[in-house]
Amino acid sequence: MIEPFKQAMAAAGIDLQEEIIPDGRLHRFRPNGGRNPDGWYVFHSDGLPAGSFGNWKTGESFTWCQKKQSELTPQE
């Protein structure tokens, strides 16, 4: 479940070399080998794996869910 999230980050041009911690908390990192910890992510692995990530320097942010929005139940 973590690998597809990491692949979504890479597809968005945000390279994370560290291990993703699936605790639902905000984590900062240095994207693409940069000097500053401008990258961030939040990953929830309980129930339906989902998260968000971005780069404060560029202002980009993205969301990811294991299921497509059209596949989600009303509870999800």
PDB file of N, CA and C in Angstrom:
ATOM      1  N   MET A   1       0.792  -1.189   0.000  1.00  0.00           N
ATOM      2  CA  MET A   1       0.000   0.000   0.000  1.00  0.00           C
ATOM      3  C   MET A   1       0.845   1.268   0.000  1.00  0.00           C
ATOM      4  N   ILE A   2       2.050   1.230   0.548  1.00  0.00           N
ATOM      5  CA  ILE A   2       2.919   2.404   0.578  1.00  0.00           C
ATOM      6  C   ILE A   2       3.549   2.666  -0.789  1.00  0.00           C
ATOM      7  N   GLU A   3       3.895   1.619  -1.497  1.00  0.00           N
ATOM      8  CA  GLU A   3       4.580   1.787  -2.783  1.00  0.00           C
ATOM      9  C   GLU A   3       3.739   2.566  -3.806  1.00  0.00           C
ATOM     10  N   PRO A   4       2.433   2.306  -3.950  1.00  0.00           N
ATOM     11  CA  PRO A   4       1.649   3.124  -4.888  1.00  0.00           C
ATOM     12  C   PRO A   4       1.613   4.609  -4.501  1.00  0.00           C
ATOM     13  N   PHE A   5       1.610   4.899  -3.211  1.00  0.00           N
ATOM     14  CA  PHE A   5       1.658   6.288  -2.748  1.00  0.00           C
ATOM     15  C   PHE A   5       2.986   6.927  -3.160  1.00  0.00           C
ATOM     16  N   LYS A   6       4.063   6.207  -2.960  1.00  0.00           N
ATOM     17  CA  LYS A   6       5.391   6.707  -3.333  1.00  0.00           C
ATOM     18  C   LYS A   6       5.501   6.879  -4.850  1.00  0.00           C
ATOM     19  N   GLN A   7       4.881   5.990  -5.604  1.00  0.00           N
ATOM     20  CA  GLN A   7       4.870   6.113  -7.062  1.00  0.00           C
ATOM     21  C   GLN A   7       4.088   7.343  -7.509  1.00  0.00           C
ATOM     22  N   ALA A   8       2.990   7.650  -6.817  1.00  0.00           N
ATOM     23  CA  ALA A   8       2.218   8.852  -7.132  1.00  0.00           C
ATOM     24  C   ALA A   8       3.046  10.102  -6.874  1.00  0.00           C
ATOM     25  N   MET A   9       3.840  10.078  -5.805  1.00  0.00           N
ATOM     26  CA  MET A   9       4.725  11.201  -5.525  1.00  0.00           C
ATOM     27  C   MET A   9       5.749  11.368  -6.643  1.00  0.00           C
ATOM     28  N   ALA A  10       6.347  10.265  -7.065  1.00  0.00           N
ATOM     29  CA  ALA A  10       7.346  10.311  -8.130  1.00  0.00           C
ATOM     30  C   ALA A  10       6.725  10.805  -9.443  1.00  0.00           C
ATOM     31  N   ALA A  11       5.510  10.362  -9.727  1.00  0.00           N
ATOM     32  CA  ALA A  11       4.821  10.797 -10.953  1.00  0.00           C
ATOM     33  C   ALA A  11       4.548  12.299 -10.937  1.00  0.00           C
ATOM     34  N   ALA A  12       4.408  12.865  -9.746  1.00  0.00           N
ATOM     35  CA  ALA A  12       4.190  14.302  -9.600  1.00  0.00           C
ATOM     36  C   ALA A  12       5.502  15.081  -9.570  1.00  0.00           C
ATOM     37  N   GLY A  13       6.621  14.364  -9.684  1.00  0.00           N
ATOM     38  CA  GLY A  13       7.926  15.010  -9.708  1.00  0.00           C
ATOM     39  C   GLY A  13       8.520  15.257  -8.342  1.00  0.00           C
ATOM     40  N   ILE A  14       7.995  14.571  -7.332  1.00  0.00           N
ATOM     41  CA  ILE A  14       8.506  14.715  -5.975  1.00  0.00           C
ATOM     42  C   ILE A  14       9.174  13.408  -5.572  1.00  0.00           C
ATOM     43  N   ASP A  15      10.495  13.436  -5.507  1.00  0.00           N
ATOM     44  CA  ASP A  15      11.266  12.234  -5.204  1.00  0.00           C
ATOM     45  C   ASP A  15      11.571  12.171  -3.713  1.00  0.00           C
ATOM     46  N   LEU A  16      11.105  11.114  -3.070  1.00  0.00           N
ATOM     47  CA  LEU A  16      11.351  10.899  -1.651  1.00  0.00           C
ATOM     48  C   LEU A  16      12.261   9.692  -1.505  1.00  0.00           C
ATOM     49  N   GLN A  17      13.434   9.884  -0.941  1.00  0.00           N
ATOM     50  CA  GLN A  17      14.394   8.803  -0.768  1.00  0.00           C
ATOM     51  C   GLN A  17      14.251   8.113   0.586  1.00  0.00           C
ATOM     52  N   GLU A  18      13.468   8.686   1.479  1.00  0.00           N
ATOM     53  CA  GLU A  18      13.305   8.139   2.817  1.00  0.00           C
ATOM     54  C   GLU A  18      12.137   7.156   2.867  1.00  0.00           C
ATOM     55  N   GLU A  19      12.053   6.423   3.963  1.00  0.00           N
ATOM     56  CA  GLU A  19      10.936   5.509   4.177  1.00  0.00           C
ATOM     57  C   GLU A  19       9.694   6.310   4.550  1.00  0.00           C
ATOM     58  N   ILE A  20       8.556   5.949   3.995  1.00  0.00           N
ATOM     59  CA  ILE A  20       7.300   6.612   4.325  1.00  0.00           C
ATOM     60  C   ILE A  20       6.764   6.039   5.633  1.00  0.00           C
ATOM     61  N   ILE A  21       6.391   6.922   6.525  1.00  0.00           N
ATOM     62  CA  ILE A  21       5.845   6.523   7.822  1.00  0.00           C
ATOM     63  C   ILE A  21       4.326   6.672   7.751  1.00  0.00           C
ATOM     64  N   PRO A  22       3.588   5.561   7.813  1.00  0.00           N
ATOM     65  CA  PRO A  22       2.129   5.604   7.630  1.00  0.00           C
ATOM     66  C   PRO A  22       1.360   5.850   8.936  1.00  0.00           C
ATOM     67  N   ASP A  23       1.613   6.988   9.584  1.00  0.00           N
ATOM     68  CA  ASP A  23       0.991   7.241  10.880  1.00  0.00           C
ATOM     69  C   ASP A  23      -0.042   8.370  10.870  1.00  0.00           C
ATOM     70  N   GLY A  24      -0.349   8.911   9.687  1.00  0.00           N
ATOM     71  CA  GLY A  24      -1.343   9.976   9.609  1.00  0.00           C
ATOM     72  C   GLY A  24      -0.851  11.328  10.086  1.00  0.00           C
ATOM     73  N   ARG A  25       0.449  11.465  10.300  1.00  0.00           N
ATOM     74  CA  ARG A  25       1.028  12.728  10.756  1.00  0.00           C
ATOM     75  C   ARG A  25       1.784  13.396   9.622  1.00  0.00           C
ATOM     76  N   LEU A  26       1.987  14.686   9.762  1.00  0.00           N
ATOM     77  CA  LEU A  26       2.736  15.459   8.784  1.00  0.00           C
ATOM     78  C   LEU A  26       4.225  15.161   8.920  1.00  0.00           C
ATOM     79  N   HIS A  27       4.861  14.849   7.795  1.00  0.00           N
ATOM     80  CA  HIS A  27       6.304  14.588   7.769  1.00  0.00           C
ATOM     81  C   HIS A  27       6.941  15.490   6.718  1.00  0.00           C
ATOM     82  N   ARG A  28       8.069  16.079   7.067  1.00  0.00           N
ATOM     83  CA  ARG A  28       8.821  16.931   6.143  1.00  0.00           C
ATOM     84  C   ARG A  28      10.031  16.154   5.630  1.00  0.00           C
ATOM     85  N   PHE A  29      10.450  16.495   4.410  1.00  0.00           N
ATOM     86  CA  PHE A  29      11.631  15.856   3.837  1.00  0.00           C
ATOM     87  C   PHE A  29      12.247  16.775   2.790  1.00  0.00           C
ATOM     88  N   ARG A  30      13.439  16.423   2.360  1.00  0.00           N
ATOM     89  CA  ARG A  30      14.152  17.180   1.325  1.00  0.00           C
ATOM     90  C   ARG A  30      13.845  16.544  -0.032  1.00  0.00           C
ATOM     91  N   PRO A  31      12.957  17.141  -0.816  1.00  0.00           N
ATOM     92  CA  PRO A  31      12.591  16.531  -2.096  1.00  0.00           C
ATOM     93  C   PRO A  31      13.703  16.649  -3.130  1.00  0.00           C
ATOM     94  N   ASN A  32      13.825  15.607  -3.927  1.00  0.00           N
ATOM     95  CA  ASN A  32      14.738  15.590  -5.072  1.00  0.00           C
ATOM     96  C   ASN A  32      16.169  15.955  -4.685  1.00  0.00           C
ATOM     97  N   GLY A  33      16.592  15.559  -3.500  1.00  0.00           N
ATOM     98  CA  GLY A  33      17.971  15.801  -3.075  1.00  0.00           C
ATOM     99  C   GLY A  33      18.270  17.240  -2.719  1.00  0.00           C
ATOM    100  N   GLY A  34      17.251  18.045  -2.479  1.00  0.00           N
ATOM    101  CA  GLY A  34      17.455  19.461  -2.158  1.00  0.00           C
ATOM    102  C   GLY A  34      18.055  19.662  -0.784  1.00  0.00           C
ATOM    103  N   ARG A  35      18.390  20.916  -0.496  1.00  0.00           N
ATOM    104  CA  ARG A  35      19.012  21.251   0.786  1.00  0.00           C
ATOM    105  C   ARG A  35      17.995  21.457   1.890  1.00  0.00           C
ATOM    106  N   ASN A  36      16.811  21.954   1.529  1.00  0.00           N
ATOM    107  CA  ASN A  36      15.820  22.319   2.532  1.00  0.00           C
ATOM    108  C   ASN A  36      14.676  21.314   2.584  1.00  0.00           C
ATOM    109  N   PRO A  37      14.095  21.123   3.759  1.00  0.00           N
ATOM    110  CA  PRO A  37      12.967  20.188   3.890  1.00  0.00           C
ATOM    111  C   PRO A  37      11.654  20.831   3.437  1.00  0.00           C
ATOM    112  N   ASP A  38      11.565  21.128   2.134  1.00  0.00           N
ATOM    113  CA  ASP A  38      10.381  21.774   1.568  1.00  0.00           C
ATOM    114  C   ASP A  38       9.278  20.782   1.233  1.00  0.00           C
ATOM    115  N   GLY A  39       9.598  19.503   1.157  1.00  0.00           N
ATOM    116  CA  GLY A  39       8.605  18.493   0.843  1.00  0.00           C
ATOM    117  C   GLY A  39       7.846  18.057   2.083  1.00  0.00           C
ATOM    118  N   TRP A  40       6.623  17.623   1.882  1.00  0.00           N
ATOM    119  CA  TRP A  40       5.812  17.151   2.995  1.00  0.00           C
ATOM    120  C   TRP A  40       4.878  16.051   2.521  1.00  0.00           C
ATOM    121  N   TYR A  41       4.454  15.217   3.451  1.00  0.00           N
ATOM    122  CA  TYR A  41       3.435  14.200   3.156  1.00  0.00           C
ATOM    123  C   TYR A  41       2.710  13.815   4.431  1.00  0.00           C
ATOM    124  N   VAL A  42       1.510  13.316   4.243  1.00  0.00           N
ATOM    125  CA  VAL A  42       0.701  12.716   5.298  1.00  0.00           C
ATOM    126  C   VAL A  42       0.151  11.441   4.689  1.00  0.00           C
ATOM    127  N   PHE A  43       0.337  10.303   5.352  1.00  0.00           N
ATOM    128  CA  PHE A  43      -0.146   9.029   4.811  1.00  0.00           C
ATOM    129  C   PHE A  43      -0.901   8.269   5.889  1.00  0.00           C
ATOM    130  N   HIS A  44      -2.130   7.892   5.563  1.00  0.00           N
ATOM    131  CA  HIS A  44      -2.984   7.110   6.460  1.00  0.00           C
ATOM    132  C   HIS A  44      -3.075   5.690   5.903  1.00  0.00           C
ATOM    133  N   SER A  45      -2.704   4.717   6.700  1.00  0.00           N
ATOM    134  CA  SER A  45      -2.750   3.330   6.222  1.00  0.00           C
ATOM    135  C   SER A  45      -3.888   2.546   6.850  1.00  0.00           C
ATOM    136  N   ASP A  46      -4.590   3.146   7.794  1.00  0.00           N
ATOM    137  CA  ASP A  46      -5.685   2.438   8.446  1.00  0.00           C
ATOM    138  C   ASP A  46      -6.943   2.497   7.575  1.00  0.00           C
ATOM    139  N   GLY A  47      -7.657   1.406   7.497  1.00  0.00           N
ATOM    140  CA  GLY A  47      -8.863   1.377   6.671  1.00  0.00           C
ATOM    141  C   GLY A  47      -8.532   1.510   5.205  1.00  0.00           C
ATOM    142  N   LEU A  48      -8.876   2.628   4.621  1.00  0.00           N
ATOM    143  CA  LEU A  48      -8.614   2.896   3.209  1.00  0.00           C
ATOM    144  C   LEU A  48      -7.338   3.729   3.097  1.00  0.00           C
ATOM    145  N   PRO A  49      -6.252   3.161   2.545  1.00  0.00           N
ATOM    146  CA  PRO A  49      -5.009   3.916   2.424  1.00  0.00           C
ATOM    147  C   PRO A  49      -5.194   5.178   1.571  1.00  0.00           C
ATOM    148  N   ALA A  50      -4.773   6.303   2.126  1.00  0.00           N
ATOM    149  CA  ALA A  50      -4.893   7.587   1.444  1.00  0.00           C
ATOM    150  C   ALA A  50      -3.890   8.560   2.032  1.00  0.00           C
ATOM    151  N   GLY A  51      -3.617   9.621   1.295  1.00  0.00           N
ATOM    152  CA  GLY A  51      -2.696  10.616   1.806  1.00  0.00           C
ATOM    153  C   GLY A  51      -2.627  11.829   0.915  1.00  0.00           C
ATOM    154  N   SER A  52      -1.781  12.738   1.322  1.00  0.00           N
ATOM    155  CA  SER A  52      -1.513  13.921   0.521  1.00  0.00           C
ATOM    156  C   SER A  52      -0.031  14.238   0.637  1.00  0.00           C
ATOM    157  N   PHE A  53       0.446  15.012  -0.314  1.00  0.00           N
ATOM    158  CA  PHE A  53       1.866  15.355  -0.340  1.00  0.00           C
ATOM    159  C   PHE A  53       2.060  16.606  -1.171  1.00  0.00           C
ATOM    160  N   GLY A  54       3.207  17.220  -1.023  1.00  0.00           N
ATOM    161  CA  GLY A  54       3.473  18.417  -1.802  1.00  0.00           C
ATOM    162  C   GLY A  54       4.844  18.987  -1.548  1.00  0.00           C
ATOM    163  N   ASN A  55       5.014  20.204  -2.048  1.00  0.00           N
ATOM    164  CA  ASN A  55       6.278  20.912  -1.927  1.00  0.00           C
ATOM    165  C   ASN A  55       5.951  22.363  -1.575  1.00  0.00           C
ATOM    166  N   TRP A  56       6.324  22.794  -0.385  1.00  0.00           N
ATOM    167  CA  TRP A  56       6.022  24.153   0.037  1.00  0.00           C
ATOM    168  C   TRP A  56       6.735  25.181  -0.839  1.00  0.00           C
ATOM    169  N   LYS A  57       7.901  24.882  -1.333  1.00  0.00           N
ATOM    170  CA  LYS A  57       8.643  25.845  -2.142  1.00  0.00           C
ATOM    171  C   LYS A  57       7.926  26.141  -3.454  1.00  0.00           C
ATOM    172  N   THR A  58       7.397  25.099  -4.094  1.00  0.00           N
ATOM    173  CA  THR A  58       6.704  25.299  -5.379  1.00  0.00           C
ATOM    174  C   THR A  58       5.217  25.594  -5.190  1.00  0.00           C
ATOM    175  N   GLY A  59       4.685  25.311  -4.012  1.00  0.00           N
ATOM    176  CA  GLY A  59       3.268  25.527  -3.759  1.00  0.00           C
ATOM    177  C   GLY A  59       2.376  24.404  -4.255  1.00  0.00           C
ATOM    178  N   GLU A  60       2.968  23.344  -4.766  1.00  0.00           N
ATOM    179  CA  GLU A  60       2.182  22.226  -5.276  1.00  0.00           C
ATOM    180  C   GLU A  60       1.718  21.324  -4.143  1.00  0.00           C
ATOM    181  N   SER A  61       0.494  20.799  -4.300  1.00  0.00           N
ATOM    182  CA  SER A  61       0.010  19.794  -3.362  1.00  0.00           C
ATOM    183  C   SER A  61      -0.891  18.819  -4.121  1.00  0.00           C
ATOM    184  N   PHE A  62      -0.884  17.582  -3.668  1.00  0.00           N
ATOM    185  CA  PHE A  62      -1.597  16.504  -4.346  1.00  0.00           C
ATOM    186  C   PHE A  62      -2.258  15.610  -3.307  1.00  0.00           C
ATOM    187  N   THR A  63      -3.319  14.934  -3.718  1.00  0.00           N
ATOM    188  CA  THR A  63      -3.953  13.938  -2.863  1.00  0.00           C
ATOM    189  C   THR A  63      -3.899  12.597  -3.582  1.00  0.00           C
ATOM    190  N   TRP A  64      -3.937  11.534  -2.800  1.00  0.00           N
ATOM    191  CA  TRP A  64      -3.888  10.183  -3.349  1.00  0.00           C
ATOM    192  C   TRP A  64      -4.782   9.295  -2.502  1.00  0.00           C
ATOM    193  N   CYS A  65      -5.474   8.381  -3.159  1.00  0.00           N
ATOM    194  CA  CYS A  65      -6.292   7.390  -2.470  1.00  0.00           C
ATOM    195  C   CYS A  65      -6.125   6.072  -3.206  1.00  0.00           C
ATOM    196  N   GLN A  66      -6.145   4.980  -2.459  1.00  0.00           N
ATOM    197  CA  GLN A  66      -5.970   3.673  -3.086  1.00  0.00           C
ATOM    198  C   GLN A  66      -7.103   3.366  -4.059  1.00  0.00           C
ATOM    199  N   LYS A  67      -8.289   3.898  -3.789  1.00  0.00           N
ATOM    200  CA  LYS A  67      -9.429   3.701  -4.679  1.00  0.00           C
ATOM    201  C   LYS A  67      -9.693   4.972  -5.467  1.00  0.00           C
ATOM    202  N   LYS A  68     -10.257   4.807  -6.663  1.00  0.00           N
ATOM    203  CA  LYS A  68     -10.698   5.955  -7.436  1.00  0.00           C
ATOM    204  C   LYS A  68     -11.925   6.548  -6.756  1.00  0.00           C
ATOM    205  N   GLN A  69     -12.144   7.834  -6.941  1.00  0.00           N
ATOM    206  CA  GLN A  69     -13.274   8.488  -6.298  1.00  0.00           C
ATOM    207  C   GLN A  69     -14.604   7.840  -6.689  1.00  0.00           C
ATOM    208  N   SER A  70     -14.703   7.388  -7.919  1.00  0.00           N
ATOM    209  CA  SER A  70     -15.947   6.761  -8.383  1.00  0.00           C
ATOM    210  C   SER A  70     -16.195   5.402  -7.718  1.00  0.00           C
ATOM    211  N   GLU A  71     -15.176   4.798  -7.120  1.00  0.00           N
ATOM    212  CA  GLU A  71     -15.298   3.503  -6.465  1.00  0.00           C
ATOM    213  C   GLU A  71     -15.574   3.608  -4.970  1.00  0.00           C
ATOM    214  N   LEU A  72     -15.510   4.810  -4.417  1.00  0.00           N
ATOM    215  CA  LEU A  72     -15.681   4.988  -2.983  1.00  0.00           C
ATOM    216  C   LEU A  72     -17.146   4.801  -2.575  1.00  0.00           C
ATOM    217  N   THR A  73     -17.346   4.191  -1.427  1.00  0.00           N
ATOM    218  CA  THR A  73     -18.691   4.061  -0.869  1.00  0.00           C
ATOM    219  C   THR A  73     -19.036   5.355  -0.138  1.00  0.00           C
ATOM    220  N   PRO A  74     -20.297   5.601   0.169  1.00  0.00           N
ATOM    221  CA  PRO A  74     -20.655   6.821   0.912  1.00  0.00           C
ATOM    222  C   PRO A  74     -19.931   6.914   2.264  1.00  0.00           C
ATOM    223  N   GLN A  75     -19.662   5.796   2.912  1.00  0.00           N
ATOM    224  CA  GLN A  75     -18.958   5.817   4.190  1.00  0.00           C
ATOM    225  C   GLN A  75     -17.492   6.227   4.017  1.00  0.00           C
ATOM    226  N   GLU A  76     -16.896   5.841   2.905  1.00  0.00           N
ATOM    227  CA  GLU A  76     -15.487   6.145   2.679  1.00  0.00           C
ATOM    228  C   GLU A  76     -15.332   7.607   2.291  1.00  0.00           C
TER     229      GLU A  76
END
